[in-house]
């Protein structure tokens, strides 16, 4: 069987993807190894809240954000080149909200959610909000940047890199979006084994695949950031 020769562009894309995956994997391994100590530090209210926010944000950024930052610097690519623009932002946002509706309905139906607060699933959010000015503002800016912007934009860059490397022949088949949806399910431990678990897994699949397809059709990546700032971790 003849060996498939890759062109220079394909080789660079492979390197980019390996860098992103390696950085994320190393960050995850370090977090798992020191998980007990990290959680003890985060929950230690005797330590300054901003220090604890920065600590957990460091690992979150390593998992989703640091890899794509390295790649963009290496390739001299601007974040704006990945669709951070205002064109079609309202229509794109509407479609992304619709993609989130099944998950919201599922969560409220099972009683898993009874309130709305962006980033309420992040351990330090409520303590940040209870802090005085300017600690609360600085803390929420860090939280929104790491768990909002970078987590959402991370999927955009990874999906785009995969689609450039492995272009699909059909309009509705998006290998990058499929990979990102599976990755999200695995990272968040949302693999369904019960009926409820399977339904939740499907709703997450709809969110990630849906928002990346919206970005693909409208060219607007801000909607993916919107999802992770205002919807993900908010119910």
C-alpha atoms as a PDB file:
ATOM      1  CA  UNK A   1       0.000   0.000   0.000  1.00  0.00           C
ATOM      2  CA  UNK A   2       1.587   3.318  -1.074  1.00  0.00           C
ATOM      3  CA  UNK A   3       2.260   5.841   1.670  1.00  0.00           C
ATOM      4  CA  UNK A   4       0.045   8.917   1.500  1.00  0.00           C
ATOM      5  CA  UNK A   5       2.139  12.049   1.086  1.00  0.00           C
ATOM      6  CA  UNK A   6       0.972  15.094   2.980  1.00  0.00           C
ATOM      7  CA  UNK A   7       1.481  18.579   1.637  1.00  0.00           C
ATOM      8  CA  UNK A   8       3.045  21.311   3.759  1.00  0.00           C
ATOM      9  CA  UNK A   9      -0.322  22.729   4.826  1.00  0.00           C
ATOM     10  CA  UNK A  10      -1.575  19.337   6.012  1.00  0.00           C
ATOM     11  CA  UNK A  11       1.635  18.728   7.956  1.00  0.00           C
ATOM     12  CA  UNK A  12       1.283  22.070   9.730  1.00  0.00           C
ATOM     13  CA  UNK A  13      -2.343  21.322  10.604  1.00  0.00           C
ATOM     14  CA  UNK A  14      -1.314  17.957  12.051  1.00  0.00           C
ATOM     15  CA  UNK A  15       1.342  19.673  14.164  1.00  0.00           C
ATOM     16  CA  UNK A  16      -1.171  22.301  15.322  1.00  0.00           C
ATOM     17  CA  UNK A  17      -3.670  19.655  16.411  1.00  0.00           C
ATOM     18  CA  UNK A  18      -0.990  17.650  18.208  1.00  0.00           C
ATOM     19  CA  UNK A  19       0.170  20.763  20.081  1.00  0.00           C
ATOM     20  CA  UNK A  20      -3.375  21.582  21.201  1.00  0.00           C
ATOM     21  CA  UNK A  21      -4.120  18.009  22.281  1.00  0.00           C
ATOM     22  CA  UNK A  22      -0.791  17.593  24.069  1.00  0.00           C
ATOM     23  CA  UNK A  23      -1.138  20.831  26.044  1.00  0.00           C
ATOM     24  CA  UNK A  24      -4.708  19.943  27.039  1.00  0.00           C
ATOM     25  CA  UNK A  25      -3.761  16.387  28.009  1.00  0.00           C
ATOM     26  CA  UNK A  26      -0.767  17.468  30.109  1.00  0.00           C
ATOM     27  CA  UNK A  27      -2.898  20.079  31.903  1.00  0.00           C
ATOM     28  CA  UNK A  28      -5.588  17.484  32.596  1.00  0.00           C
ATOM     29  CA  UNK A  29      -3.067  14.948  33.919  1.00  0.00           C
ATOM     30  CA  UNK A  30      -1.469  17.520  36.247  1.00  0.00           C
ATOM     31  CA  UNK A  31      -4.912  18.494  37.538  1.00  0.00           C
ATOM     32  CA  UNK A  32      -5.898  14.861  38.153  1.00  0.00           C
ATOM     33  CA  UNK A  33      -2.624  14.074  39.947  1.00  0.00           C
ATOM     34  CA  UNK A  34      -2.943  17.074  42.285  1.00  0.00           C
ATOM     35  CA  UNK A  35      -6.738  17.152  42.351  1.00  0.00           C
ATOM     36  CA  UNK A  36      -7.060  16.714  46.127  1.00  0.00           C
ATOM     37  CA  UNK A  37      -4.582  19.493  46.932  1.00  0.00           C
ATOM     38  CA  UNK A  38      -6.117  21.813  44.322  1.00  0.00           C
ATOM     39  CA  UNK A  39      -9.657  21.387  45.677  1.00  0.00           C
ATOM     40  CA  UNK A  40      -8.449  21.874  49.252  1.00  0.00           C
ATOM     41  CA  UNK A  41      -6.769  25.127  48.214  1.00  0.00           C
ATOM     42  CA  UNK A  42      -9.796  26.357  46.262  1.00  0.00           C
ATOM     43  CA  UNK A  43     -12.123  25.712  49.207  1.00  0.00           C
ATOM     44  CA  UNK A  44      -9.768  27.290  51.752  1.00  0.00           C
ATOM     45  CA  UNK A  45     -11.547  30.570  52.525  1.00  0.00           C
ATOM     46  CA  UNK A  46      -8.566  31.814  54.519  1.00  0.00           C
ATOM     47  CA  UNK A  47      -6.734  32.362  51.224  1.00  0.00           C
ATOM     48  CA  UNK A  48      -7.565  35.418  49.055  1.00  0.00           C
ATOM     49  CA  UNK A  49     -10.407  34.624  46.661  1.00  0.00           C
ATOM     50  CA  UNK A  50      -8.572  36.089  43.658  1.00  0.00           C
ATOM     51  CA  UNK A  51      -5.625  33.768  44.300  1.00  0.00           C
ATOM     52  CA  UNK A  52      -7.972  30.777  44.320  1.00  0.00           C
ATOM     53  CA  UNK A  53      -9.750  31.967  41.190  1.00  0.00           C
ATOM     54  CA  UNK A  54      -6.438  32.372  39.375  1.00  0.00           C
ATOM     55  CA  UNK A  55      -5.310  28.912  40.497  1.00  0.00           C
ATOM     56  CA  UNK A  56      -8.319  27.065  39.126  1.00  0.00           C
ATOM     57  CA  UNK A  57      -8.411  29.364  36.073  1.00  0.00           C
ATOM     58  CA  UNK A  58      -4.814  28.390  35.302  1.00  0.00           C
ATOM     59  CA  UNK A  59      -5.755  24.725  34.968  1.00  0.00           C
ATOM     60  CA  UNK A  60      -8.925  25.538  33.032  1.00  0.00           C
ATOM     61  CA  UNK A  61      -6.933  27.706  30.611  1.00  0.00           C
ATOM     62  CA  UNK A  62      -4.391  24.918  30.221  1.00  0.00           C
ATOM     63  CA  UNK A  63      -7.178  22.521  29.335  1.00  0.00           C
ATOM     64  CA  UNK A  64      -9.023  24.868  26.980  1.00  0.00           C
ATOM     65  CA  UNK A  65      -7.189  27.909  25.684  1.00  0.00           C
ATOM     66  CA  UNK A  66      -3.436  27.653  26.164  1.00  0.00           C
ATOM     67  CA  UNK A  67      -2.983  25.174  23.323  1.00  0.00           C
ATOM     68  CA  UNK A  68      -4.788  27.294  20.739  1.00  0.00           C
ATOM     69  CA  UNK A  69      -2.940  30.396  21.978  1.00  0.00           C
ATOM     70  CA  UNK A  70       0.413  28.685  21.371  1.00  0.00           C
ATOM     71  CA  UNK A  71      -0.677  27.564  17.898  1.00  0.00           C
ATOM     72  CA  UNK A  72      -1.995  30.997  16.901  1.00  0.00           C
ATOM     73  CA  UNK A  73       1.257  32.637  18.026  1.00  0.00           C
ATOM     74  CA  UNK A  74       3.304  29.967  16.221  1.00  0.00           C
ATOM     75  CA  UNK A  75       1.339  30.404  12.981  1.00  0.00           C
ATOM     76  CA  UNK A  76       0.967  34.182  13.402  1.00  0.00           C
ATOM     77  CA  UNK A  77      -2.812  33.832  13.216  1.00  0.00           C
ATOM     78  CA  UNK A  78      -5.110  36.441  14.744  1.00  0.00           C
ATOM     79  CA  UNK A  79      -8.084  35.266  16.794  1.00  0.00           C
ATOM     80  CA  UNK A  80     -10.229  37.524  14.601  1.00  0.00           C
ATOM     81  CA  UNK A  81      -9.383  35.369  11.574  1.00  0.00           C
ATOM     82  CA  UNK A  82     -11.516  32.609  13.118  1.00  0.00           C
ATOM     83  CA  UNK A  83     -14.768  34.551  12.875  1.00  0.00           C
ATOM     84  CA  UNK A  84     -14.754  37.001  15.779  1.00  0.00           C
ATOM     85  CA  UNK A  85     -16.874  39.607  14.008  1.00  0.00           C
ATOM     86  CA  UNK A  86     -20.236  41.310  14.410  1.00  0.00           C
ATOM     87  CA  UNK A  87     -21.738  40.295  11.055  1.00  0.00           C
ATOM     88  CA  UNK A  88     -24.906  38.148  11.483  1.00  0.00           C
ATOM     89  CA  UNK A  89     -24.368  38.066  15.236  1.00  0.00           C
ATOM     90  CA  UNK A  90     -28.054  38.352  16.186  1.00  0.00           C
ATOM     91  CA  UNK A  91     -29.256  35.612  13.848  1.00  0.00           C
ATOM     92  CA  UNK A  92     -26.345  33.396  14.882  1.00  0.00           C
ATOM     93  CA  UNK A  93     -27.104  33.952  18.568  1.00  0.00           C
ATOM     94  CA  UNK A  94     -30.766  33.050  18.050  1.00  0.00           C
ATOM     95  CA  UNK A  95     -29.872  29.747  16.391  1.00  0.00           C
ATOM     96  CA  UNK A  96     -27.370  28.917  19.154  1.00  0.00           C
ATOM     97  CA  UNK A  97     -29.979  29.596  21.844  1.00  0.00           C
ATOM     98  CA  UNK A  98     -32.333  27.217  20.030  1.00  0.00           C
ATOM     99  CA  UNK A  99     -29.608  24.555  20.131  1.00  0.00           C
ATOM    100  CA  UNK A 100     -29.507  24.958  23.919  1.00  0.00           C
ATOM    101  CA  UNK A 101     -33.274  24.666  24.458  1.00  0.00           C
ATOM    102  CA  UNK A 102     -33.366  20.815  24.660  1.00  0.00           C
ATOM    103  CA  UNK A 103     -30.738  20.854  27.428  1.00  0.00           C
ATOM    104  CA  UNK A 104     -32.598  23.551  29.383  1.00  0.00           C
ATOM    105  CA  UNK A 105     -35.885  21.639  29.125  1.00  0.00           C
ATOM    106  CA  UNK A 106     -34.148  18.412  30.164  1.00  0.00           C
ATOM    107  CA  UNK A 107     -32.462  20.035  33.187  1.00  0.00           C
ATOM    108  CA  UNK A 108     -35.615  21.700  34.502  1.00  0.00           C
ATOM    109  CA  UNK A 109     -37.771  18.616  33.852  1.00  0.00           C
ATOM    110  CA  UNK A 110     -35.511  16.438  36.014  1.00  0.00           C
ATOM    111  CA  UNK A 111     -35.116  19.155  38.634  1.00  0.00           C
ATOM    112  CA  UNK A 112     -31.380  19.473  38.002  1.00  0.00           C
ATOM    113  CA  UNK A 113     -31.793  23.226  37.506  1.00  0.00           C
ATOM    114  CA  UNK A 114     -34.078  25.735  39.188  1.00  0.00           C
ATOM    115  CA  UNK A 115     -32.226  29.005  38.657  1.00  0.00           C
ATOM    116  CA  UNK A 116     -30.157  30.958  36.150  1.00  0.00           C
ATOM    117  CA  UNK A 117     -26.728  32.370  36.935  1.00  0.00           C
ATOM    118  CA  UNK A 118     -23.815  32.435  34.463  1.00  0.00           C
ATOM    119  CA  UNK A 119     -20.851  30.344  35.684  1.00  0.00           C
ATOM    120  CA  UNK A 120     -22.749  29.085  38.735  1.00  0.00           C
ATOM    121  CA  UNK A 121     -21.177  25.641  38.203  1.00  0.00           C
ATOM    122  CA  UNK A 122     -17.706  27.153  38.631  1.00  0.00           C
ATOM    123  CA  UNK A 123     -16.664  26.560  42.252  1.00  0.00           C
ATOM    124  CA  UNK A 124     -15.579  30.122  42.994  1.00  0.00           C
ATOM    125  CA  UNK A 125     -18.391  32.100  41.314  1.00  0.00           C
ATOM    126  CA  UNK A 126     -20.762  32.597  44.250  1.00  0.00           C
ATOM    127  CA  UNK A 127     -17.928  33.569  46.574  1.00  0.00           C
ATOM    128  CA  UNK A 128     -16.654  36.064  44.002  1.00  0.00           C
ATOM    129  CA  UNK A 129     -20.086  37.663  43.677  1.00  0.00           C
ATOM    130  CA  UNK A 130     -20.326  37.937  47.461  1.00  0.00           C
ATOM    131  CA  UNK A 131     -17.001  39.790  47.591  1.00  0.00           C
ATOM    132  CA  UNK A 132     -16.798  43.560  47.544  1.00  0.00           C
ATOM    133  CA  UNK A 133     -15.760  45.855  44.707  1.00  0.00           C
ATOM    134  CA  UNK A 134     -13.381  45.629  42.855  1.00  0.00           C
ATOM    135  CA  UNK A 135     -12.662  41.974  43.795  1.00  0.00           C
ATOM    136  CA  UNK A 136     -16.025  40.818  42.449  1.00  0.00           C
ATOM    137  CA  UNK A 137     -15.523  42.591  39.116  1.00  0.00           C
ATOM    138  CA  UNK A 138     -11.952  41.337  38.650  1.00  0.00           C
ATOM    139  CA  UNK A 139     -12.934  37.811  39.669  1.00  0.00           C
ATOM    140  CA  UNK A 140     -15.857  37.662  37.250  1.00  0.00           C
ATOM    141  CA  UNK A 141     -13.739  39.093  34.419  1.00  0.00           C
ATOM    142  CA  UNK A 142     -11.205  36.298  34.964  1.00  0.00           C
ATOM    143  CA  UNK A 143     -14.010  33.733  35.108  1.00  0.00           C
ATOM    144  CA  UNK A 144     -15.722  35.056  31.971  1.00  0.00           C
ATOM    145  CA  UNK A 145     -12.430  35.160  30.072  1.00  0.00           C
ATOM    146  CA  UNK A 146     -11.323  31.633  30.935  1.00  0.00           C
ATOM    147  CA  UNK A 147     -14.585  29.661  31.270  1.00  0.00           C
ATOM    148  CA  UNK A 148     -16.455  31.816  28.765  1.00  0.00           C
ATOM    149  CA  UNK A 149     -14.279  33.177  25.980  1.00  0.00           C
ATOM    150  CA  UNK A 150     -11.481  30.633  25.854  1.00  0.00           C
ATOM    151  CA  UNK A 151     -13.598  27.520  26.420  1.00  0.00           C
ATOM    152  CA  UNK A 152     -16.007  28.526  23.668  1.00  0.00           C
ATOM    153  CA  UNK A 153     -13.327  29.780  21.292  1.00  0.00           C
ATOM    154  CA  UNK A 154     -11.228  26.665  21.907  1.00  0.00           C
ATOM    155  CA  UNK A 155     -13.894  24.589  20.153  1.00  0.00           C
ATOM    156  CA  UNK A 156     -13.947  27.036  17.245  1.00  0.00           C
ATOM    157  CA  UNK A 157     -10.210  26.772  16.563  1.00  0.00           C
ATOM    158  CA  UNK A 158     -10.025  22.991  17.015  1.00  0.00           C
ATOM    159  CA  UNK A 159     -13.045  22.462  14.766  1.00  0.00           C
ATOM    160  CA  UNK A 160     -11.622  24.772  12.102  1.00  0.00           C
ATOM    161  CA  UNK A 161      -8.231  23.030  12.160  1.00  0.00           C
ATOM    162  CA  UNK A 162      -9.830  19.592  11.830  1.00  0.00           C
ATOM    163  CA  UNK A 163     -12.080  20.717   8.975  1.00  0.00           C
ATOM    164  CA  UNK A 164      -9.120  22.171   7.088  1.00  0.00           C
ATOM    165  CA  UNK A 165      -7.199  18.939   7.591  1.00  0.00           C
ATOM    166  CA  UNK A 166     -10.109  16.572   6.933  1.00  0.00           C
ATOM    167  CA  UNK A 167     -12.652  18.395   4.743  1.00  0.00           C
ATOM    168  CA  UNK A 168     -16.062  16.721   4.493  1.00  0.00           C
ATOM    169  CA  UNK A 169     -17.796  16.009   1.204  1.00  0.00           C
ATOM    170  CA  UNK A 170     -21.262  16.782   2.534  1.00  0.00           C
ATOM    171  CA  UNK A 171     -22.629  20.094   3.799  1.00  0.00           C
ATOM    172  CA  UNK A 172     -24.117  18.760   7.030  1.00  0.00           C
ATOM    173  CA  UNK A 173     -21.167  16.512   7.894  1.00  0.00           C
ATOM    174  CA  UNK A 174     -18.664  18.486   9.939  1.00  0.00           C
ATOM    175  CA  UNK A 175     -15.804  16.384  11.298  1.00  0.00           C
ATOM    176  CA  UNK A 176     -14.514  19.192  13.482  1.00  0.00           C
ATOM    177  CA  UNK A 177     -17.899  19.696  15.135  1.00  0.00           C
ATOM    178  CA  UNK A 178     -18.342  15.940  15.614  1.00  0.00           C
ATOM    179  CA  UNK A 179     -14.922  15.615  17.261  1.00  0.00           C
ATOM    180  CA  UNK A 180     -15.541  18.627  19.517  1.00  0.00           C
ATOM    181  CA  UNK A 181     -18.949  17.308  20.589  1.00  0.00           C
ATOM    182  CA  UNK A 182     -17.454  13.928  21.519  1.00  0.00           C
ATOM    183  CA  UNK A 183     -14.541  15.641  23.276  1.00  0.00           C
ATOM    184  CA  UNK A 184     -16.936  17.792  25.322  1.00  0.00           C
ATOM    185  CA  UNK A 185     -18.982  14.750  26.367  1.00  0.00           C
ATOM    186  CA  UNK A 186     -15.849  12.877  27.457  1.00  0.00           C
ATOM    187  CA  UNK A 187     -14.262  15.805  29.335  1.00  0.00           C
ATOM    188  CA  UNK A 188     -17.459  16.599  31.234  1.00  0.00           C
ATOM    189  CA  UNK A 189     -18.157  12.937  31.975  1.00  0.00           C
ATOM    190  CA  UNK A 190     -21.533  13.048  30.255  1.00  0.00           C
ATOM    191  CA  UNK A 191     -21.398   9.549  28.760  1.00  0.00           C
ATOM    192  CA  UNK A 192     -24.926   8.227  29.160  1.00  0.00           C
ATOM    193  CA  UNK A 193     -25.496   4.745  30.600  1.00  0.00           C
ATOM    194  CA  UNK A 194     -29.019   5.344  31.930  1.00  0.00           C
ATOM    195  CA  UNK A 195     -31.965   6.664  29.929  1.00  0.00           C
ATOM    196  CA  UNK A 196     -31.610  10.110  31.519  1.00  0.00           C
ATOM    197  CA  UNK A 197     -27.864  10.025  30.929  1.00  0.00           C
ATOM    198  CA  UNK A 198     -28.322   9.223  27.258  1.00  0.00           C
ATOM    199  CA  UNK A 199     -30.806  12.084  26.844  1.00  0.00           C
ATOM    200  CA  UNK A 200     -28.392  14.500  28.538  1.00  0.00           C
ATOM    201  CA  UNK A 201     -25.571  13.288  26.290  1.00  0.00           C
ATOM    202  CA  UNK A 202     -27.726  13.889  23.207  1.00  0.00           C
ATOM    203  CA  UNK A 203     -28.587  17.431  24.360  1.00  0.00           C
ATOM    204  CA  UNK A 204     -24.873  18.229  24.813  1.00  0.00           C
ATOM    205  CA  UNK A 205     -24.193  16.812  21.360  1.00  0.00           C
ATOM    206  CA  UNK A 206     -26.872  19.140  19.958  1.00  0.00           C
ATOM    207  CA  UNK A 207     -25.329  22.148  21.744  1.00  0.00           C
ATOM    208  CA  UNK A 208     -21.735  21.668  20.581  1.00  0.00           C
ATOM    209  CA  UNK A 209     -22.457  20.353  17.096  1.00  0.00           C
ATOM    210  CA  UNK A 210     -25.224  22.914  16.645  1.00  0.00           C
ATOM    211  CA  UNK A 211     -23.223  25.982  17.688  1.00  0.00           C
ATOM    212  CA  UNK A 212     -20.259  24.970  15.512  1.00  0.00           C
ATOM    213  CA  UNK A 213     -22.552  24.391  12.537  1.00  0.00           C
ATOM    214  CA  UNK A 214     -24.095  27.826  13.124  1.00  0.00           C
ATOM    215  CA  UNK A 215     -20.593  29.277  13.125  1.00  0.00           C
ATOM    216  CA  UNK A 216     -19.825  27.351   9.931  1.00  0.00           C
ATOM    217  CA  UNK A 217     -22.880  28.717   8.097  1.00  0.00           C
ATOM    218  CA  UNK A 218     -22.806  32.305   9.402  1.00  0.00           C
ATOM    219  CA  UNK A 219     -19.052  32.727   9.796  1.00  0.00           C
ATOM    220  CA  UNK A 220     -19.567  34.240  13.260  1.00  0.00           C
ATOM    221  CA  UNK A 221     -17.573  32.691  16.116  1.00  0.00           C
ATOM    222  CA  UNK A 222     -18.819  35.038  18.841  1.00  0.00           C
ATOM    223  CA  UNK A 223     -21.901  32.861  19.185  1.00  0.00           C
ATOM    224  CA  UNK A 224     -19.756  30.011  20.530  1.00  0.00           C
ATOM    225  CA  UNK A 225     -18.355  32.405  23.122  1.00  0.00           C
ATOM    226  CA  UNK A 226     -21.913  33.558  23.893  1.00  0.00           C
ATOM    227  CA  UNK A 227     -22.966  29.978  24.624  1.00  0.00           C
ATOM    228  CA  UNK A 228     -20.197  29.490  27.172  1.00  0.00           C
ATOM    229  CA  UNK A 229     -20.611  32.910  28.791  1.00  0.00           C
ATOM    230  CA  UNK A 230     -24.390  33.028  29.152  1.00  0.00           C
ATOM    231  CA  UNK A 231     -25.698  29.457  28.839  1.00  0.00           C
ATOM    232  CA  UNK A 232     -23.109  26.798  29.658  1.00  0.00           C
ATOM    233  CA  UNK A 233     -22.683  26.380  33.458  1.00  0.00           C
ATOM    234  CA  UNK A 234     -25.586  28.821  33.922  1.00  0.00           C
ATOM    235  CA  UNK A 235     -28.484  26.473  34.775  1.00  0.00           C
END
